[in-house]
Amino acid sequence: MDSDKPLSEEEIKTFITTFKSYIERASVSELNYIRRESNRKYRQMYYQNQAKKHNVSLDYYISEFT
């Protein structure tokens, strides 16, 4: 593509459509990441509390009870 040549209407529409699709996928990926991290944090806190409740180390609790 010649760098001095402006984009055609069709190229602009294609770019906008592609960019919107990218933004939507990025948003979904971000929400999935947040969900995974919140689940990971919840499990970590749960295991820590259970280990403390049973008066054992976290490593022992995880190896024996998960």
N, C-alpha and C. Protein backbone atom coordinates (compact mmCIF):
# COMPACT_ATOMS: atom_id res chain seq x y z
N MET A 1 0.85 -1.18 0.00
CA MET A 1 0.00 0.00 0.00
C MET A 1 0.88 1.23 0.00
N ASP A 2 0.55 2.18 -0.81
CA ASP A 2 1.29 3.43 -0.90
C ASP A 2 0.99 4.27 0.34
N SER A 3 2.02 4.74 1.05
CA SER A 3 1.82 5.45 2.31
C SER A 3 1.17 6.82 2.13
N ASP A 4 1.23 7.41 0.91
CA ASP A 4 0.63 8.72 0.67
C ASP A 4 -0.84 8.61 0.28
N LYS A 5 -1.27 7.41 -0.02
CA LYS A 5 -2.65 7.20 -0.47
C LYS A 5 -3.58 7.06 0.74
N PRO A 6 -4.65 7.84 0.81
CA PRO A 6 -5.58 7.71 1.94
C PRO A 6 -6.36 6.39 1.86
N LEU A 7 -6.86 5.99 3.00
CA LEU A 7 -7.65 4.76 3.06
C LEU A 7 -9.00 4.97 2.39
N SER A 8 -9.48 3.92 1.76
CA SER A 8 -10.80 3.99 1.14
C SER A 8 -11.87 3.82 2.21
N GLU A 9 -13.09 4.14 1.86
CA GLU A 9 -14.21 3.97 2.80
C GLU A 9 -14.32 2.51 3.24
N GLU A 10 -14.16 1.60 2.31
CA GLU A 10 -14.26 0.17 2.63
C GLU A 10 -13.15 -0.25 3.60
N GLU A 11 -11.94 0.25 3.41
CA GLU A 11 -10.83 -0.06 4.31
C GLU A 11 -11.08 0.51 5.71
N ILE A 12 -11.64 1.70 5.76
CA ILE A 12 -11.95 2.31 7.05
C ILE A 12 -13.02 1.50 7.77
N LYS A 13 -14.07 1.09 7.04
CA LYS A 13 -15.13 0.27 7.64
C LYS A 13 -14.59 -1.05 8.14
N THR A 14 -13.72 -1.67 7.35
CA THR A 14 -13.11 -2.94 7.74
C THR A 14 -12.27 -2.76 9.00
N PHE A 15 -11.49 -1.68 9.03
CA PHE A 15 -10.66 -1.41 10.21
C PHE A 15 -11.53 -1.22 11.45
N ILE A 16 -12.58 -0.44 11.34
CA ILE A 16 -13.46 -0.17 12.49
C ILE A 16 -14.12 -1.46 12.97
N THR A 17 -14.61 -2.26 12.06
CA THR A 17 -15.25 -3.53 12.42
C THR A 17 -14.25 -4.46 13.12
N THR A 18 -13.06 -4.56 12.55
CA THR A 18 -12.02 -5.41 13.12
C THR A 18 -11.60 -4.91 14.50
N PHE A 19 -11.46 -3.61 14.64
CA PHE A 19 -11.06 -3.03 15.91
C PHE A 19 -12.13 -3.26 16.98
N LYS A 20 -13.39 -3.08 16.63
CA LYS A 20 -14.48 -3.34 17.59
C LYS A 20 -14.48 -4.80 18.03
N SER A 21 -14.26 -5.70 17.10
CA SER A 21 -14.20 -7.12 17.43
C SER A 21 -13.04 -7.40 18.39
N TYR A 22 -11.90 -6.79 18.12
CA TYR A 22 -10.73 -6.95 18.99
C TYR A 22 -11.04 -6.45 20.41
N ILE A 23 -11.67 -5.29 20.51
CA ILE A 23 -11.99 -4.71 21.82
C ILE A 23 -12.95 -5.62 22.58
N GLU A 24 -13.94 -6.18 21.91
CA GLU A 24 -14.88 -7.09 22.56
C GLU A 24 -14.17 -8.33 23.08
N ARG A 25 -13.29 -8.91 22.27
CA ARG A 25 -12.55 -10.10 22.70
C ARG A 25 -11.63 -9.77 23.87
N ALA A 26 -11.01 -8.60 23.81
CA ALA A 26 -10.12 -8.19 24.90
C ALA A 26 -10.92 -8.02 26.19
N SER A 27 -12.11 -7.46 26.09
CA SER A 27 -12.96 -7.27 27.26
C SER A 27 -13.35 -8.61 27.86
N VAL A 28 -13.72 -9.57 27.03
CA VAL A 28 -14.07 -10.91 27.51
C VAL A 28 -12.86 -11.57 28.16
N SER A 29 -11.70 -11.41 27.55
CA SER A 29 -10.48 -12.00 28.12
C SER A 29 -10.17 -11.38 29.48
N GLU A 30 -10.37 -10.08 29.60
CA GLU A 30 -10.12 -9.40 30.86
C GLU A 30 -11.08 -9.91 31.95
N LEU A 31 -12.35 -10.06 31.61
CA LEU A 31 -13.32 -10.56 32.58
C LEU A 31 -13.01 -12.00 32.99
N ASN A 32 -12.58 -12.81 32.03
CA ASN A 32 -12.19 -14.19 32.35
C ASN A 32 -10.99 -14.22 33.29
N TYR A 33 -10.03 -13.34 33.06
CA TYR A 33 -8.86 -13.24 33.93
C TYR A 33 -9.28 -12.84 35.35
N ILE A 34 -10.14 -11.84 35.46
CA ILE A 34 -10.60 -11.39 36.77
C ILE A 34 -11.32 -12.52 37.50
N ARG A 35 -12.15 -13.27 36.77
CA ARG A 35 -12.86 -14.41 37.38
C ARG A 35 -11.88 -15.47 37.86
N ARG A 36 -10.90 -15.82 37.03
CA ARG A 36 -9.91 -16.83 37.43
C ARG A 36 -9.13 -16.37 38.66
N GLU A 37 -8.71 -15.12 38.67
CA GLU A 37 -7.92 -14.61 39.80
C GLU A 37 -8.75 -14.54 41.08
N SER A 38 -10.01 -14.15 40.97
CA SER A 38 -10.84 -14.10 42.18
C SER A 38 -11.08 -15.51 42.72
N ASN A 39 -11.27 -16.48 41.83
CA ASN A 39 -11.42 -17.88 42.28
C ASN A 39 -10.14 -18.39 42.92
N ARG A 40 -9.01 -18.04 42.34
CA ARG A 40 -7.72 -18.46 42.90
C ARG A 40 -7.51 -17.85 44.28
N LYS A 41 -7.81 -16.57 44.42
CA LYS A 41 -7.66 -15.90 45.71
C LYS A 41 -8.60 -16.50 46.75
N TYR A 42 -9.83 -16.78 46.34
CA TYR A 42 -10.79 -17.37 47.26
C TYR A 42 -10.29 -18.72 47.77
N ARG A 43 -9.82 -19.59 46.85
CA ARG A 43 -9.31 -20.90 47.25
C ARG A 43 -8.11 -20.76 48.18
N GLN A 44 -7.24 -19.83 47.86
CA GLN A 44 -6.05 -19.62 48.69
C GLN A 44 -6.45 -19.21 50.11
N MET A 45 -7.38 -18.28 50.22
CA MET A 45 -7.84 -17.84 51.55
C MET A 45 -8.57 -18.96 52.27
N TYR A 46 -9.38 -19.72 51.53
CA TYR A 46 -10.10 -20.84 52.12
C TYR A 46 -9.12 -21.87 52.69
N TYR A 47 -8.11 -22.24 51.90
CA TYR A 47 -7.14 -23.24 52.36
C TYR A 47 -6.36 -22.72 53.56
N GLN A 48 -6.01 -21.45 53.55
CA GLN A 48 -5.29 -20.88 54.69
C GLN A 48 -6.15 -20.93 55.94
N ASN A 49 -7.41 -20.58 55.82
CA ASN A 49 -8.31 -20.62 56.98
C ASN A 49 -8.53 -22.05 57.47
N GLN A 50 -8.68 -22.98 56.55
CA GLN A 50 -8.87 -24.37 56.96
C GLN A 50 -7.62 -24.92 57.65
N ALA A 51 -6.45 -24.58 57.11
CA ALA A 51 -5.20 -25.04 57.73
C ALA A 51 -5.08 -24.47 59.14
N LYS A 52 -5.43 -23.20 59.29
CA LYS A 52 -5.37 -22.57 60.62
C LYS A 52 -6.39 -23.22 61.56
N LYS A 53 -7.58 -23.49 61.04
CA LYS A 53 -8.65 -24.11 61.83
C LYS A 53 -8.21 -25.48 62.36
N HIS A 54 -7.51 -26.26 61.54
CA HIS A 54 -7.07 -27.60 61.92
C HIS A 54 -5.67 -27.61 62.53
N ASN A 55 -5.11 -26.42 62.67
CA ASN A 55 -3.80 -26.24 63.29
C ASN A 55 -2.71 -27.05 62.59
N VAL A 56 -2.71 -26.97 61.26
CA VAL A 56 -1.67 -27.61 60.45
C VAL A 56 -1.12 -26.57 59.48
N SER A 57 0.02 -26.88 58.89
CA SER A 57 0.59 -25.94 57.92
C SER A 57 -0.24 -25.95 56.63
N LEU A 58 -0.14 -24.88 55.90
CA LEU A 58 -0.87 -24.77 54.64
C LEU A 58 -0.43 -25.86 53.66
N ASP A 59 0.86 -26.09 53.56
CA ASP A 59 1.37 -27.13 52.66
C ASP A 59 0.81 -28.50 53.01
N TYR A 60 0.78 -28.80 54.31
CA TYR A 60 0.24 -30.09 54.74
C TYR A 60 -1.25 -30.19 54.41
N TYR A 61 -2.00 -29.14 54.70
CA TYR A 61 -3.44 -29.17 54.42
C TYR A 61 -3.70 -29.41 52.94
N ILE A 62 -2.97 -28.69 52.09
CA ILE A 62 -3.17 -28.82 50.64
C ILE A 62 -2.80 -30.23 50.18
N SER A 63 -1.69 -30.76 50.68
CA SER A 63 -1.27 -32.09 50.23
C SER A 63 -2.20 -33.19 50.71
N GLU A 64 -2.81 -33.03 51.87
CA GLU A 64 -3.64 -34.08 52.44
C GLU A 64 -5.13 -33.95 52.12
N PHE A 65 -5.63 -32.74 51.96
CA PHE A 65 -7.06 -32.54 51.89
C PHE A 65 -7.58 -31.96 50.58
N THR A 66 -6.72 -31.74 49.63
CA THR A 66 -7.22 -31.22 48.34
C THR A 66 -6.94 -32.19 47.23
